[in-house]
N, C-alpha and C. Protein backbone atom coordinates (compact mmCIF):
# COMPACT_ATOMS: atom_id res chain seq x y z
N MET A 1 25.85 43.14 -36.90
CA MET A 1 24.59 43.75 -37.34
C MET A 1 24.72 43.74 -38.91
N ALA A 2 25.91 44.26 -39.57
CA ALA A 2 25.94 44.46 -40.93
C ALA A 2 25.97 43.23 -41.63
N ASP A 3 26.69 41.86 -41.06
CA ASP A 3 26.72 40.77 -41.69
C ASP A 3 25.43 40.37 -41.64
N ARG A 4 24.54 40.35 -40.68
CA ARG A 4 23.20 39.90 -40.81
C ARG A 4 22.38 40.46 -41.86
N LEU A 5 22.33 41.93 -41.89
CA LEU A 5 21.72 42.73 -43.11
C LEU A 5 22.22 42.27 -44.50
N SER A 6 23.52 42.15 -44.54
CA SER A 6 23.98 41.87 -45.92
C SER A 6 23.71 40.23 -46.21
N SER A 7 23.33 39.43 -45.26
CA SER A 7 23.01 38.04 -45.73
C SER A 7 21.61 37.97 -45.84
N MET A 8 20.90 38.86 -45.63
CA MET A 8 19.36 38.59 -45.92
C MET A 8 19.02 38.38 -47.41
N VAL A 9 18.22 37.38 -47.72
CA VAL A 9 17.54 37.26 -49.05
C VAL A 9 15.99 37.25 -49.14
N VAL A 10 15.70 38.18 -49.55
CA VAL A 10 14.20 38.29 -49.84
C VAL A 10 13.73 37.96 -51.22
N ASP A 11 12.73 36.62 -51.03
CA ASP A 11 12.32 36.04 -52.43
C ASP A 11 11.07 36.31 -52.30
N VAL A 12 10.25 36.79 -53.31
CA VAL A 12 8.72 37.02 -53.34
C VAL A 12 8.22 36.84 -54.85
N ARG A 13 6.82 36.34 -54.80
CA ARG A 13 6.26 36.12 -56.02
C ARG A 13 5.23 37.36 -56.22
N SER A 14 4.67 37.65 -57.46
CA SER A 14 3.56 38.62 -57.65
C SER A 14 2.55 37.81 -57.28
N PRO A 15 1.38 38.56 -57.19
CA PRO A 15 -0.06 37.79 -56.78
C PRO A 15 -0.42 36.92 -57.93
N ASP A 16 -0.10 37.14 -58.86
CA ASP A 16 -0.36 35.97 -60.08
C ASP A 16 0.50 34.82 -59.98
N GLY A 17 1.52 34.89 -59.18
CA GLY A 17 2.49 33.77 -59.49
C GLY A 17 3.49 33.83 -60.38
N ARG A 18 3.33 34.71 -61.46
CA ARG A 18 4.11 34.65 -62.66
C ARG A 18 5.54 35.55 -62.76
N ILE A 19 5.68 36.29 -61.68
CA ILE A 19 6.90 37.02 -61.67
C ILE A 19 7.50 36.78 -60.20
N ARG A 20 8.77 36.71 -60.33
CA ARG A 20 9.50 36.41 -58.97
C ARG A 20 10.57 37.51 -58.79
N ALA A 21 10.86 37.90 -57.67
CA ALA A 21 11.79 38.80 -57.29
C ALA A 21 12.95 38.36 -56.31
N THR A 22 14.16 38.53 -56.39
CA THR A 22 14.99 37.98 -55.39
C THR A 22 15.86 39.35 -55.02
N LEU A 23 15.84 39.46 -53.56
CA LEU A 23 16.76 40.72 -53.33
C LEU A 23 17.79 40.07 -52.45
N ARG A 24 19.15 40.35 -52.76
CA ARG A 24 20.28 39.84 -51.93
C ARG A 24 21.18 40.85 -51.71
N HIS A 25 21.73 40.67 -50.45
CA HIS A 25 23.01 41.73 -50.16
C HIS A 25 22.34 43.30 -50.07
N ARG A 26 21.35 43.40 -49.76
CA ARG A 26 20.55 44.67 -49.63
C ARG A 26 20.20 45.53 -50.86
N ASP A 27 20.93 45.03 -52.14
CA ASP A 27 20.79 45.89 -53.20
C ASP A 27 21.00 45.22 -54.67
N GLU A 28 20.99 43.73 -54.50
CA GLU A 28 21.27 42.97 -55.70
C GLU A 28 19.93 42.16 -55.86
N LEU A 29 19.30 42.98 -57.07
CA LEU A 29 17.99 42.43 -57.56
C LEU A 29 18.08 41.71 -58.59
N THR A 30 17.10 40.58 -58.64
CA THR A 30 16.91 40.02 -59.96
C THR A 30 15.40 39.95 -60.07
N LEU A 31 14.91 39.78 -61.22
CA LEU A 31 13.54 39.55 -61.62
C LEU A 31 13.44 38.51 -62.71
N TYR A 32 12.25 37.70 -62.38
CA TYR A 32 12.14 36.42 -63.35
C TYR A 32 10.76 36.33 -63.64
N PHE A 33 10.59 36.03 -64.94
CA PHE A 33 9.09 35.61 -65.37
C PHE A 33 9.22 34.01 -65.42
N SER A 34 7.94 33.70 -65.12
CA SER A 34 7.82 32.23 -65.38
C SER A 34 7.33 31.71 -66.56
N GLY A 35 8.24 30.96 -67.52
CA GLY A 35 7.71 30.45 -68.57
C GLY A 35 7.76 31.49 -69.87
N ASP A 36 6.55 31.63 -70.41
CA ASP A 36 6.57 32.71 -71.34
C ASP A 36 5.78 33.77 -70.84
N ALA A 37 5.43 34.03 -69.59
CA ALA A 37 4.32 34.76 -68.70
C ALA A 37 4.63 36.40 -69.62
N TYR A 38 5.69 36.71 -69.72
CA TYR A 38 6.19 38.19 -69.91
C TYR A 38 5.32 38.43 -71.39
N ARG A 39 5.41 37.56 -72.18
CA ARG A 39 4.81 37.82 -73.74
C ARG A 39 3.55 38.10 -73.56
N HIS A 40 2.79 37.29 -72.48
CA HIS A 40 1.29 37.31 -72.17
C HIS A 40 0.86 38.60 -71.62
N TYR A 41 1.42 39.49 -70.91
CA TYR A 41 1.15 40.27 -70.25
C TYR A 41 0.72 41.77 -71.13
N GLN A 42 -0.18 42.70 -70.78
CA GLN A 42 -0.74 43.67 -71.34
C GLN A 42 0.14 44.78 -70.29
N GLU A 43 0.44 46.08 -70.71
CA GLU A 43 1.14 46.92 -69.92
C GLU A 43 0.63 47.08 -68.46
N ARG A 44 -0.68 47.23 -68.55
CA ARG A 44 -1.41 47.90 -67.43
C ARG A 44 -1.43 46.69 -66.30
N THR A 45 -1.65 45.39 -66.61
CA THR A 45 -1.75 44.12 -66.04
C THR A 45 -0.30 44.11 -65.35
N LEU A 46 0.65 44.18 -66.04
CA LEU A 46 2.17 44.10 -65.81
C LEU A 46 2.48 45.06 -64.68
N GLU A 47 2.12 46.30 -64.75
CA GLU A 47 2.05 47.52 -63.88
C GLU A 47 1.50 46.98 -62.59
N TYR A 48 0.48 46.51 -62.52
CA TYR A 48 -0.24 46.13 -61.31
C TYR A 48 0.53 44.95 -60.44
N GLN A 49 0.92 43.93 -61.35
CA GLN A 49 1.64 42.92 -60.96
C GLN A 49 3.12 43.47 -60.02
N LEU A 50 3.82 44.08 -60.94
CA LEU A 50 5.17 44.45 -60.36
C LEU A 50 4.86 45.69 -59.21
N ALA A 51 3.91 46.40 -59.30
CA ALA A 51 3.54 47.23 -57.87
C ALA A 51 3.38 46.37 -56.71
N ARG A 52 2.46 45.28 -57.02
CA ARG A 52 2.11 44.46 -55.80
C ARG A 52 3.49 43.59 -55.25
N LEU A 53 4.43 43.31 -56.42
CA LEU A 53 5.69 42.51 -56.10
C LEU A 53 6.61 43.48 -55.22
N ALA A 54 6.51 44.44 -55.84
CA ALA A 54 7.61 45.68 -55.10
C ALA A 54 6.95 45.75 -53.46
N THR A 55 5.84 45.81 -53.42
CA THR A 55 5.02 45.90 -52.04
C THR A 55 5.49 44.86 -51.06
N LEU A 56 5.17 43.55 -51.64
CA LEU A 56 5.57 42.22 -51.01
C LEU A 56 7.08 42.37 -50.51
N MET A 57 7.85 42.54 -51.72
CA MET A 57 9.40 42.59 -51.21
C MET A 57 9.78 43.48 -50.02
N TRP A 58 9.17 44.77 -50.19
CA TRP A 58 9.49 45.58 -49.26
C TRP A 58 9.10 45.12 -47.99
N VAL A 59 7.89 44.77 -47.72
CA VAL A 59 7.25 44.23 -46.51
C VAL A 59 8.28 43.20 -45.94
N ASP A 60 8.51 42.14 -46.82
CA ASP A 60 9.41 41.22 -46.39
C ASP A 60 10.67 41.50 -45.97
N TYR A 61 11.37 42.58 -46.76
CA TYR A 61 12.72 43.19 -46.40
C TYR A 61 12.63 43.76 -45.10
N GLN A 62 11.50 44.53 -44.86
CA GLN A 62 11.29 45.39 -43.49
C GLN A 62 11.33 44.21 -42.32
N ARG A 63 10.36 43.21 -42.68
CA ARG A 63 10.35 42.33 -41.65
C ARG A 63 11.65 41.54 -41.15
N GLN A 64 12.58 41.21 -42.22
CA GLN A 64 13.77 40.68 -42.09
C GLN A 64 14.77 41.56 -41.29
N TYR A 65 14.75 42.98 -41.59
CA TYR A 65 15.33 44.07 -40.93
C TYR A 65 15.06 44.04 -39.76
N ASP A 66 13.93 44.18 -39.22
CA ASP A 66 13.49 44.33 -38.02
C ASP A 66 13.84 42.86 -37.24
N GLU A 67 13.75 41.93 -37.56
CA GLU A 67 14.31 40.60 -36.92
C GLU A 67 15.93 40.57 -36.71
N ALA A 68 16.48 41.19 -37.91
CA ALA A 68 18.07 41.11 -37.58
C ALA A 68 18.47 42.21 -36.56
N VAL A 69 17.79 43.47 -36.47
CA VAL A 69 17.71 44.42 -35.37
C VAL A 69 17.40 43.82 -33.89
N ALA A 70 16.37 43.14 -33.95
CA ALA A 70 15.85 42.64 -32.64
C ALA A 70 16.91 41.46 -32.01
N ALA A 71 17.35 40.89 -33.02
CA ALA A 71 18.46 39.75 -32.55
C ALA A 71 19.53 40.76 -31.94
N VAL A 72 20.01 41.66 -32.33
CA VAL A 72 21.16 42.54 -32.05
C VAL A 72 20.90 43.30 -30.71
N VAL A 73 19.76 43.63 -30.66
CA VAL A 73 19.47 44.69 -29.34
C VAL A 73 18.92 43.84 -28.19
N GLY A 74 18.29 42.83 -28.73
CA GLY A 74 17.68 41.82 -27.61
C GLY A 74 16.40 42.17 -27.23
N HIS A 75 15.65 42.88 -28.05
CA HIS A 75 14.21 42.99 -28.03
C HIS A 75 13.48 43.34 -29.53
N PRO A 76 12.23 42.90 -29.35
CA PRO A 76 11.49 43.23 -30.73
C PRO A 76 11.63 44.71 -30.96
N VAL A 77 11.67 45.21 -32.23
CA VAL A 77 11.56 46.48 -32.89
C VAL A 77 9.96 47.01 -32.73
N GLU A 78 9.95 48.30 -31.94
CA GLU A 78 8.64 48.62 -31.70
C GLU A 78 8.73 49.82 -31.98
N GLU A 79 7.55 50.46 -32.94
CA GLU A 79 7.68 51.89 -33.20
C GLU A 79 7.39 52.91 -32.02
N ASP A 80 6.50 52.42 -31.13
CA ASP A 80 5.95 53.01 -29.99
C ASP A 80 7.18 53.33 -28.97
N ARG A 81 8.26 52.44 -29.04
CA ARG A 81 9.39 52.73 -28.17
C ARG A 81 10.07 54.04 -28.42
N GLU A 82 9.84 54.57 -29.88
CA GLU A 82 10.58 55.71 -30.38
C GLU A 82 9.83 57.07 -30.11
N SER A 83 8.46 56.84 -29.70
CA SER A 83 7.66 58.09 -29.71
C SER A 83 7.97 58.92 -28.59
N TRP A 84 8.76 58.57 -27.47
CA TRP A 84 9.20 59.62 -26.55
C TRP A 84 10.12 60.45 -26.96
N ASN A 85 10.71 60.23 -28.09
CA ASN A 85 11.82 61.09 -28.67
C ASN A 85 11.24 61.99 -29.86
N ALA A 86 11.03 63.27 -29.65
CA ALA A 86 10.20 64.29 -30.61
C ALA A 86 10.92 64.18 -31.94
N ASN A 87 12.23 64.20 -31.78
CA ASN A 87 12.88 64.20 -33.38
C ASN A 87 12.73 62.77 -33.91
N ARG A 88 12.71 61.95 -33.22
CA ARG A 88 12.55 60.48 -33.86
C ARG A 88 11.28 60.44 -34.57
N ARG A 89 10.35 61.02 -33.48
CA ARG A 89 8.81 60.76 -33.88
C ARG A 89 8.69 62.03 -35.26
N ARG A 90 9.12 63.15 -35.23
CA ARG A 90 8.85 63.88 -36.36
C ARG A 90 9.63 63.47 -37.70
N PHE A 91 10.73 62.59 -37.66
CA PHE A 91 11.52 61.98 -38.57
C PHE A 91 10.55 60.88 -39.14
N ARG A 92 10.10 60.00 -38.23
CA ARG A 92 9.33 58.92 -38.66
C ARG A 92 7.91 59.37 -39.50
N GLU A 93 7.49 60.53 -38.86
CA GLU A 93 6.10 60.87 -39.66
C GLU A 93 6.45 61.52 -41.05
N GLU A 94 7.97 62.03 -41.13
CA GLU A 94 7.94 62.81 -42.51
C GLU A 94 8.57 61.71 -43.22
N GLN A 95 9.31 60.69 -42.77
CA GLN A 95 9.65 59.66 -43.69
C GLN A 95 8.57 58.78 -44.28
N ALA A 96 7.43 58.61 -43.42
CA ALA A 96 6.30 58.00 -43.98
C ALA A 96 5.58 58.68 -45.11
N GLU A 97 5.95 59.90 -45.42
CA GLU A 97 5.23 60.80 -46.42
C GLU A 97 6.37 61.20 -47.50
N THR A 98 7.41 60.66 -47.34
CA THR A 98 8.39 61.03 -48.34
C THR A 98 8.57 60.30 -49.54
N LYS A 99 8.40 60.99 -50.87
CA LYS A 99 8.15 60.16 -52.05
C LYS A 99 9.59 59.94 -52.60
N ALA A 100 9.71 58.83 -53.14
CA ALA A 100 10.82 58.32 -54.03
C ALA A 100 10.50 57.86 -55.20
N SER A 101 11.41 58.05 -56.23
CA SER A 101 10.98 57.51 -57.64
C SER A 101 12.20 57.38 -58.45
N GLY A 102 12.05 56.37 -59.55
CA GLY A 102 13.06 56.00 -60.18
C GLY A 102 12.66 55.63 -61.71
N MET A 103 13.29 56.06 -62.71
CA MET A 103 13.06 55.66 -64.07
C MET A 103 14.18 54.88 -64.50
N SER A 104 13.72 53.88 -65.44
CA SER A 104 14.70 52.83 -65.97
C SER A 104 15.60 53.75 -66.73
N PRO A 105 16.77 52.79 -67.18
CA PRO A 105 17.74 53.56 -67.95
C PRO A 105 17.32 53.88 -69.34
N GLY A 106 16.36 52.94 -70.03
CA GLY A 106 15.87 53.04 -71.46
C GLY A 106 14.69 53.85 -71.36
N ASN A 107 14.18 54.39 -70.32
CA ASN A 107 12.75 55.23 -70.15
C ASN A 107 11.44 54.29 -70.43
N VAL A 108 11.49 53.26 -69.93
CA VAL A 108 10.43 52.38 -70.18
C VAL A 108 9.60 51.94 -69.06
N VAL A 109 10.36 52.03 -67.83
CA VAL A 109 9.63 51.66 -66.57
C VAL A 109 9.85 52.82 -65.59
N TYR A 110 8.61 53.46 -64.96
CA TYR A 110 8.77 54.25 -63.94
C TYR A 110 8.38 53.77 -62.48
N VAL A 111 9.04 53.91 -61.58
CA VAL A 111 8.58 53.46 -60.09
C VAL A 111 8.51 54.37 -59.24
N GLU A 112 7.58 54.81 -58.35
CA GLU A 112 7.50 55.45 -57.33
C GLU A 112 6.60 54.99 -55.90
N ASN A 113 7.09 55.42 -54.90
CA ASN A 113 6.25 55.10 -53.69
C ASN A 113 6.41 56.10 -52.70
N VAL A 114 5.58 56.16 -51.84
CA VAL A 114 5.47 57.15 -50.57
C VAL A 114 5.90 56.55 -49.54
N GLY A 115 6.76 56.92 -48.71
CA GLY A 115 7.19 55.99 -47.50
C GLY A 115 7.50 54.69 -47.71
N MET A 116 8.10 54.19 -48.84
CA MET A 116 8.39 52.86 -49.23
C MET A 116 7.24 52.07 -48.88
N ARG A 117 6.06 52.43 -49.13
CA ARG A 117 4.87 51.71 -49.41
C ARG A 117 4.03 52.44 -50.57
N ASN A 118 2.78 51.86 -50.92
CA ASN A 118 2.14 52.35 -51.96
C ASN A 118 2.95 52.62 -53.09
N TRP A 119 3.32 51.57 -53.53
CA TRP A 119 4.20 51.33 -54.70
C TRP A 119 3.52 51.42 -56.09
N HIS A 120 3.76 52.33 -57.16
CA HIS A 120 3.13 52.53 -58.32
C HIS A 120 4.26 52.33 -59.44
N VAL A 121 3.88 51.60 -60.29
CA VAL A 121 4.82 51.36 -61.59
C VAL A 121 4.07 51.89 -62.66
N VAL A 122 4.77 52.14 -63.63
CA VAL A 122 4.24 52.84 -65.03
C VAL A 122 5.21 52.19 -66.03
N VAL A 123 4.43 51.30 -67.02
CA VAL A 123 5.33 50.60 -68.15
C VAL A 123 4.91 51.37 -69.47
N ARG A 124 5.76 51.84 -70.12
CA ARG A 124 5.45 52.78 -71.42
C ARG A 124 4.64 51.97 -72.50
N ASP A 125 3.46 52.27 -72.91
CA ASP A 125 2.89 51.55 -73.86
C ASP A 125 3.81 51.16 -75.01
N GLY A 126 3.46 49.91 -75.22
CA GLY A 126 4.14 49.32 -76.31
C GLY A 126 5.36 48.38 -75.86
N THR A 127 5.78 48.60 -74.68
CA THR A 127 7.10 47.91 -74.08
C THR A 127 7.02 46.45 -74.36
N VAL A 128 5.91 45.75 -74.11
CA VAL A 128 6.00 44.20 -73.95
C VAL A 128 6.25 43.78 -75.53
N ALA A 129 5.53 44.56 -76.40
CA ALA A 129 5.74 44.10 -77.76
C ALA A 129 7.12 44.43 -78.18
N ARG A 130 7.92 45.41 -77.81
CA ARG A 130 9.28 45.69 -78.43
C ARG A 130 10.17 45.39 -77.79
N VAL A 131 10.14 45.24 -76.44
CA VAL A 131 11.39 45.15 -75.48
C VAL A 131 11.35 43.47 -75.14
N PRO A 132 12.73 42.88 -75.30
CA PRO A 132 12.60 41.33 -75.04
C PRO A 132 12.77 41.42 -73.30
N GLU A 133 12.06 40.29 -73.08
CA GLU A 133 11.93 39.85 -71.59
C GLU A 133 13.30 40.15 -70.65
N GLU A 134 14.25 39.81 -71.07
CA GLU A 134 15.55 40.01 -70.25
C GLU A 134 15.92 41.43 -70.28
N GLU A 135 15.61 41.95 -71.22
CA GLU A 135 16.03 43.66 -71.13
C GLU A 135 15.03 44.36 -70.30
N PHE A 136 13.58 43.93 -70.58
CA PHE A 136 12.69 44.58 -69.53
C PHE A 136 13.05 44.39 -68.14
N ALA A 137 13.34 43.02 -67.65
CA ALA A 137 13.73 42.70 -66.47
C ALA A 137 14.97 43.58 -65.83
N ALA A 138 16.07 43.68 -66.85
CA ALA A 138 17.05 44.81 -66.47
C ALA A 138 16.57 46.09 -66.26
N GLU A 139 15.61 46.66 -67.21
CA GLU A 139 15.00 47.88 -67.02
C GLU A 139 14.25 47.94 -65.72
N CYS A 140 13.36 47.04 -65.21
CA CYS A 140 12.90 47.03 -63.95
C CYS A 140 13.87 47.22 -62.71
N VAL A 141 15.06 46.38 -62.82
CA VAL A 141 16.09 46.46 -61.72
C VAL A 141 16.84 47.98 -61.94
N GLY A 142 17.02 48.63 -62.94
CA GLY A 142 17.41 49.76 -63.18
C GLY A 142 16.58 50.79 -62.55
N ALA A 143 15.22 50.74 -62.92
CA ALA A 143 14.30 51.69 -62.13
C ALA A 143 14.38 51.52 -60.47
N PHE A 144 14.35 50.41 -60.15
CA PHE A 144 14.42 50.15 -58.73
C PHE A 144 15.64 50.88 -58.24
N HIS A 145 16.83 50.68 -58.47
CA HIS A 145 18.12 51.23 -58.22
C HIS A 145 18.13 52.70 -58.18
N THR A 146 17.21 53.18 -59.19
CA THR A 146 17.50 54.70 -59.13
C THR A 146 16.41 55.19 -58.05
N LEU A 147 15.21 54.53 -57.86
CA LEU A 147 14.44 54.72 -56.75
C LEU A 147 15.13 54.71 -55.40
N MET A 148 16.05 53.49 -55.38
CA MET A 148 16.55 53.49 -54.08
C MET A 148 17.75 54.58 -53.70
N ARG A 149 18.41 54.90 -55.02
CA ARG A 149 19.28 56.12 -54.67
C ARG A 149 18.47 57.59 -54.29
N ASP A 150 17.35 57.53 -54.72
CA ASP A 150 16.67 58.69 -54.47
C ASP A 150 16.16 58.59 -53.11
N HIS A 151 15.59 57.49 -52.58
CA HIS A 151 15.20 57.23 -51.11
C HIS A 151 16.34 57.36 -50.21
N ALA A 152 17.67 56.95 -50.68
CA ALA A 152 18.64 57.14 -49.85
C ALA A 152 18.94 58.57 -49.55
N ASP A 153 19.13 59.43 -50.78
CA ASP A 153 19.22 60.61 -50.74
C ASP A 153 18.35 61.64 -49.83
N ASN A 154 16.91 61.15 -50.01
CA ASN A 154 15.84 61.67 -49.23
C ASN A 154 16.17 61.67 -47.75
N MET A 155 16.47 60.14 -47.27
CA MET A 155 16.74 60.00 -45.98
C MET A 155 18.02 60.88 -45.42
N ARG A 156 18.95 60.85 -46.18
CA ARG A 156 20.10 61.66 -45.65
C ARG A 156 19.63 63.10 -45.54
N ARG A 157 19.04 63.63 -46.20
CA ARG A 157 18.43 64.99 -45.88
C ARG A 157 17.36 65.17 -44.76
N LEU A 158 16.53 64.11 -44.59
CA LEU A 158 15.69 64.05 -43.28
C LEU A 158 16.41 63.76 -42.05
N ARG A 159 17.48 62.88 -42.09
CA ARG A 159 18.34 62.59 -40.79
C ARG A 159 19.29 64.30 -40.62
N ALA A 160 19.54 64.85 -41.60
CA ALA A 160 20.34 66.03 -41.14
C ALA A 160 19.21 66.95 -40.85
N LYS A 161 18.15 67.17 -41.05
CA LYS A 161 17.10 68.04 -40.70
C LYS A 161 16.60 67.73 -39.27
N HIS A 162 16.43 66.35 -39.14
CA HIS A 162 15.97 66.30 -37.67
C HIS A 162 17.07 65.81 -36.64
N TYR A 163 18.21 65.44 -37.05
CA TYR A 163 19.30 65.24 -36.10
C TYR A 163 20.53 66.07 -36.24
N GLY A 164 20.58 66.66 -37.11
CA GLY A 164 21.76 67.63 -37.62
C GLY A 164 22.62 66.94 -38.43
N PRO A 165 23.21 67.89 -39.24
CA PRO A 165 24.22 67.38 -40.15
C PRO A 165 25.46 66.22 -39.96
N GLY A 166 25.84 65.99 -38.87
CA GLY A 166 26.79 64.93 -38.66
C GLY A 166 26.13 63.83 -38.49
N PHE A 167 24.68 63.59 -38.37
CA PHE A 167 24.16 62.42 -38.47
C PHE A 167 23.64 61.84 -39.90
N ALA A 168 23.74 62.86 -40.77
CA ALA A 168 22.96 62.67 -41.96
C ALA A 168 23.50 61.32 -42.72
N GLY A 169 25.04 60.97 -42.64
CA GLY A 169 25.41 59.91 -43.47
C GLY A 169 25.68 58.85 -42.75
N THR A 170 25.78 58.83 -41.42
CA THR A 170 26.16 57.98 -40.59
C THR A 170 25.34 56.63 -40.20
N HIS A 171 23.90 56.86 -40.58
CA HIS A 171 23.04 55.83 -40.04
C HIS A 171 22.35 55.39 -41.18
N ARG A 172 21.66 54.35 -41.43
CA ARG A 172 20.86 53.83 -42.29
C ARG A 172 19.57 53.27 -41.76
N SER A 173 18.45 54.03 -42.39
CA SER A 173 17.13 53.48 -41.81
C SER A 173 16.26 52.96 -43.00
N ALA A 174 15.65 51.84 -42.39
CA ALA A 174 15.04 50.85 -43.44
C ALA A 174 13.49 51.78 -43.95
């Protein structure tokens, strides 16, 4: 299972096709802009494209994750199969409402979501004019990693709450 998950590659493009994100090995993210696209964005448009890109990336990641689990357990992943377990049901309900957020190292990109959906990105005004493309891409990746650490911490707390402290660090939930 771990080998399947670590070999997943998620490769998506923003709705306008000008930004590409690739996620490898569950946490190795790269962000690319087509040609000179970055220079032509305004911050609000860039925020929208990055938020949609993050949504597409996470949906594809979850799809591949579910396919990997299904291959191991021998049947498709179905949320309804878990509903008989009250702890699991309460965990999933709270997980869907849990906020995660992350700020980039240079404080120019802020990313948040609720339940790993409904992504929201904020790019500090003036960033496109003063931050070079490669540095901006690194800032986005840094914000993503900070968000993912926050998400992992939140999930550890939720697992401990719903399943007990011994379970908190032993299982990974997508």
